[in-house]
Protein backbone atom coordinates (compact mmCIF):
# COMPACT_ATOMS: atom_id res chain seq x y z
CA MET A 1 4.27 -19.83 -26.32
CA THR A 2 3.66 -23.35 -28.17
CA VAL A 3 5.18 -26.45 -27.26
CA ARG A 4 7.09 -26.46 -29.86
CA THR A 5 8.90 -22.97 -28.77
CA LEU A 6 9.26 -24.74 -25.76
CA VAL A 7 11.25 -27.54 -27.04
CA ARG A 8 13.86 -25.15 -29.16
CA VAL A 9 14.40 -23.28 -26.48
CA ALA A 10 15.13 -26.55 -24.51
CA LEU A 11 17.83 -27.70 -26.65
CA LEU A 12 19.02 -24.56 -26.79
CA PRO A 13 21.92 -26.19 -24.32
CA LEU A 14 22.35 -28.74 -26.46
CA LEU A 15 22.75 -26.72 -29.63
CA ALA A 16 25.19 -24.09 -27.66
CA ALA A 17 27.46 -27.09 -26.47
CA LEU A 18 27.68 -28.45 -30.38
CA LEU A 19 28.93 -25.39 -31.90
CA PRO A 20 32.18 -24.77 -33.71
CA ALA A 21 34.92 -24.33 -31.30
CA SER A 22 36.27 -21.60 -33.73
CA ALA A 23 33.92 -19.15 -31.70
CA ALA A 24 35.94 -19.39 -28.63
CA GLY A 25 39.14 -19.12 -30.69
CA GLN A 26 37.92 -15.90 -31.60
CA GLY A 27 36.84 -14.92 -28.55
CA ILE A 28 33.58 -15.23 -28.49
CA ASP A 29 31.64 -17.45 -25.59
CA VAL A 30 28.40 -19.54 -26.68
CA ARG A 31 26.51 -21.02 -23.90
CA GLY A 32 22.91 -22.23 -23.43
CA TYR A 33 21.08 -22.63 -20.14
CA GLY A 34 17.84 -24.42 -18.86
CA MET A 35 16.17 -22.07 -16.19
CA ILE A 36 13.74 -23.01 -13.21
CA GLY A 37 12.42 -20.71 -11.04
CA SER A 38 9.90 -18.73 -9.00
CA ILE A 39 7.96 -15.43 -10.43
CA THR A 40 5.83 -13.24 -8.08
CA PHE A 41 3.65 -10.51 -10.20
CA THR A 42 3.37 -7.32 -9.51
CA ALA A 43 -0.42 -7.29 -10.27
CA SER A 44 -1.28 -10.00 -6.83
CA ASP A 45 -4.42 -8.88 -6.21
CA SER A 46 -5.94 -9.52 -9.93
CA PHE A 47 -3.62 -13.05 -9.78
CA GLU A 48 -5.21 -14.14 -6.41
CA SER A 49 -8.80 -13.74 -7.10
CA VAL A 50 -8.16 -15.80 -10.29
CA VAL A 51 -5.39 -18.43 -9.18
CA GLY A 52 -5.52 -18.02 -5.68
CA ASN A 53 -1.87 -17.43 -5.58
CA ASP A 54 0.13 -13.97 -7.10
CA SER A 55 3.28 -16.55 -7.43
CA GLY A 56 4.66 -19.65 -9.21
CA ARG A 57 6.83 -21.60 -11.33
CA LEU A 58 8.44 -20.79 -14.39
CA LEU A 59 10.44 -23.47 -16.81
CA GLY A 60 12.52 -22.49 -19.44
CA GLY A 61 15.87 -21.73 -21.12
CA GLY A 62 17.90 -19.84 -23.71
CA VAL A 63 21.12 -19.05 -25.21
CA GLU A 64 23.85 -16.04 -24.10
CA VAL A 65 26.93 -15.11 -26.60
CA GLY A 66 29.95 -13.38 -24.48
CA LEU A 67 31.56 -10.86 -26.89
CA PRO A 68 35.32 -9.88 -27.12
CA LEU A 69 34.75 -6.82 -25.36
CA GLY A 70 35.74 -7.36 -21.82
CA GLY A 71 32.58 -8.85 -19.80
CA LEU A 72 29.97 -7.33 -22.73
CA PHE A 73 27.22 -10.24 -23.17
CA VAL A 74 24.08 -10.26 -24.80
CA GLY A 75 21.43 -13.07 -24.58
CA VAL A 76 17.95 -14.36 -25.27
CA GLY A 77 15.79 -16.56 -23.25
CA GLY A 78 11.85 -17.61 -23.19
CA SER A 79 10.24 -19.16 -19.93
CA ARG A 80 6.65 -20.20 -19.30
CA TYR A 81 3.63 -20.08 -16.27
CA ARG A 82 1.03 -21.81 -16.07
CA ALA A 83 -1.58 -21.88 -13.31
CA ASP A 84 -4.74 -23.01 -13.17
CA GLY A 85 -7.94 -20.56 -11.56
CA SER A 86 -11.20 -20.04 -11.65
CA ARG A 87 -13.61 -17.17 -14.19
CA VAL A 88 -14.82 -14.25 -11.89
CA PHE A 89 -17.51 -11.63 -12.05
CA VAL A 90 -16.41 -8.38 -10.76
CA THR A 91 -19.40 -5.64 -9.58
CA SER A 92 -18.54 -2.53 -8.45
CA SER A 93 -18.09 -3.34 -4.86
CA ARG A 94 -16.89 -7.29 -5.20
CA VAL A 95 -14.75 -9.68 -7.01
CA PHE A 96 -16.64 -12.96 -7.04
CA THR A 97 -15.61 -16.33 -8.23
CA LEU A 98 -17.66 -17.88 -10.67
CA GLY A 99 -15.87 -21.79 -10.47
CA ILE A 100 -15.98 -21.85 -14.08
CA PRO A 101 -12.18 -23.63 -14.60
CA THR A 102 -9.81 -21.04 -15.79
CA GLN A 103 -6.04 -21.67 -17.41
CA VAL A 104 -3.73 -18.49 -17.11
CA THR A 105 -0.55 -19.02 -19.34
CA VAL A 106 2.22 -16.10 -19.08
CA SER A 107 5.03 -17.04 -21.73
CA PRO A 108 7.92 -14.26 -21.42
CA ILE A 109 10.82 -13.57 -24.07
CA ASP A 110 14.03 -11.67 -22.61
CA VAL A 111 16.42 -10.15 -25.02
CA THR A 112 19.22 -9.24 -22.67
CA ALA A 113 22.52 -7.28 -22.95
CA GLY A 114 24.79 -7.42 -19.78
CA TRP A 115 28.63 -7.00 -18.25
CA ARG A 116 30.28 -9.95 -16.20
CA PHE A 117 32.82 -8.89 -14.00
CA ARG A 118 35.29 -11.54 -14.63
CA GLN A 119 38.08 -9.84 -13.26
CA LEU A 120 37.00 -10.86 -9.63
CA SER A 121 36.81 -14.45 -10.05
CA ARG A 122 37.50 -17.31 -12.92
CA ARG A 123 35.29 -19.48 -11.17
CA ILE A 124 32.63 -17.11 -9.17
CA VAL A 125 31.43 -14.20 -11.71
CA PRO A 126 29.44 -11.75 -10.91
CA TYR A 127 27.06 -9.92 -13.87
CA VAL A 128 23.93 -7.61 -14.35
CA GLY A 129 21.89 -6.89 -17.12
CA GLY A 130 18.46 -5.42 -18.91
CA GLY A 131 17.23 -5.02 -21.65
CA TRP A 132 13.43 -6.06 -23.73
CA SER A 133 11.13 -8.00 -22.69
CA SER A 134 7.85 -9.32 -24.32
CA TYR A 135 4.88 -11.39 -22.60
CA ARG A 136 2.58 -13.37 -23.99
CA TYR A 137 -0.84 -12.98 -22.05
CA GLU A 138 -3.28 -16.21 -22.19
CA GLU A 139 -6.75 -16.90 -20.38
CA THR A 140 -8.78 -19.42 -21.35
CA ALA A 141 -11.91 -20.89 -19.57
CA ASP A 142 -14.35 -23.55 -20.04
CA PHE A 143 -17.42 -22.51 -21.85
CA ALA A 144 -15.87 -19.20 -23.33
CA ALA A 145 -18.02 -17.73 -25.62
CA PRO A 146 -16.14 -16.96 -28.45
CA GLY A 147 -14.35 -13.67 -27.65
CA GLU A 148 -13.88 -14.36 -24.54
CA ASN A 149 -10.75 -16.25 -24.01
CA ILE A 150 -7.69 -13.87 -24.13
CA ASN A 151 -4.71 -13.90 -25.99
CA GLU A 152 -2.16 -11.11 -26.42
CA ARG A 153 1.42 -10.01 -26.16
CA TYR A 154 2.42 -7.02 -24.41
CA SER A 155 6.20 -5.45 -24.22
CA GLY A 156 8.09 -3.65 -21.48
CA TYR A 157 11.83 -4.28 -19.95
CA HIS A 158 13.28 -6.18 -17.21
CA LEU A 159 17.26 -5.27 -14.95
CA LEU A 160 18.48 -8.47 -13.49
CA GLY A 161 21.82 -9.48 -11.29
CA GLY A 162 23.04 -12.91 -10.87
CA VAL A 163 26.20 -15.10 -9.63
CA ASP A 164 27.62 -17.80 -12.22
CA LEU A 165 29.72 -20.79 -10.47
CA ARG A 166 31.88 -22.64 -13.28
CA ILE A 167 31.84 -26.34 -11.80
CA THR A 168 34.05 -27.16 -14.84
CA ARG A 169 34.85 -25.67 -18.03
CA TRP A 170 31.92 -26.28 -20.11
CA LEU A 171 29.25 -26.10 -17.07
CA GLY A 172 28.11 -23.97 -14.93
CA LEU A 173 25.57 -23.15 -12.16
CA GLY A 174 23.66 -19.34 -11.43
CA GLY A 175 21.42 -17.57 -9.59
CA GLU A 176 19.69 -14.28 -10.57
CA TYR A 177 17.20 -12.04 -9.60
CA VAL A 178 15.48 -10.57 -12.18
CA TRP A 179 12.51 -7.49 -12.19
CA THR A 180 10.24 -7.01 -15.28
CA ARG A 181 7.73 -4.44 -15.99
CA ILE A 182 5.29 -4.80 -18.53
CA PRO A 183 3.04 -1.44 -18.70
CA ASP A 184 -0.55 -1.17 -20.12
CA ALA A 185 -0.95 -4.63 -19.97
CA LEU A 186 -3.76 -4.91 -17.61
CA GLY A 187 -6.56 -3.18 -16.06
CA THR A 188 -8.99 -2.81 -18.69
CA ASP A 189 -11.82 -4.81 -17.70
CA GLY A 190 -12.18 -8.12 -14.81
CA ALA A 191 -10.32 -8.11 -11.77
CA SER A 192 -7.52 -6.13 -12.91
CA ALA A 193 -9.86 -3.24 -13.65
CA PHE A 194 -11.39 -3.85 -10.37
CA PHE A 195 -7.84 -3.21 -8.63
CA ASN A 196 -6.53 -0.70 -10.47
CA GLU A 197 -3.86 -3.05 -11.49
CA THR A 198 -1.98 -2.28 -15.00
CA ASP A 199 1.07 -4.32 -14.64
CA LEU A 200 1.99 -7.67 -16.08
CA GLY A 201 5.83 -7.86 -14.57
CA GLY A 202 7.23 -8.64 -11.78
CA SER A 203 9.80 -10.40 -10.09
CA SER A 204 11.73 -13.93 -9.98
CA LEU A 205 14.37 -15.72 -8.85
CA ARG A 206 16.25 -18.45 -11.23
CA VAL A 207 18.47 -21.03 -11.25
CA LYS A 208 20.48 -21.77 -14.62
CA LEU A 209 22.32 -24.63 -15.77
CA SER A 210 24.30 -23.75 -18.31
CA ILE A 211 26.31 -25.73 -21.02
CA GLY A 212 29.21 -24.03 -22.83
CA ARG A 213 32.05 -21.80 -22.43
């Protein structure tokens, strides 16, 4: 995910707030949100060997549209994880740290469909959902030869559950848990091959500040 894309995602809450009021009159609720969270990768040994930790911070945002069909909603969101580490060398029995600075960036895009249980409460609304995920994995190292850096995108799916708290009519605060599986993204070489870890997905906890109905 480029810096330009992140700026666009960050502006989604403002754009949602400026959408025509006629959408709400048609029974369609539109909200934008900013998000901060933490992700823990399924390929824990691979990430620990390269960046020293299998979890890290997520930043992002997105937009959700509530449809006039009970609690049905659809949404799209983007986020980014970035960590600094070191390139490693793998033998048949061990992983060695080479001390060459390396930056790992994971940029998820999630397209979600779900259901909000609005009949339970007007202010506190639980929800569940799931959908398609696309993760871009980038690994860049100092002094890397042509072709050694990695920049690939892989697809999978996610499931999520969360709760929204309506602070005002147009402002909300929520928390959610997301589990993602991105199969066959890792494991062809390097540390992930040594540890036999192929899934780029993981689990994340997120806090979302939303603007809109």
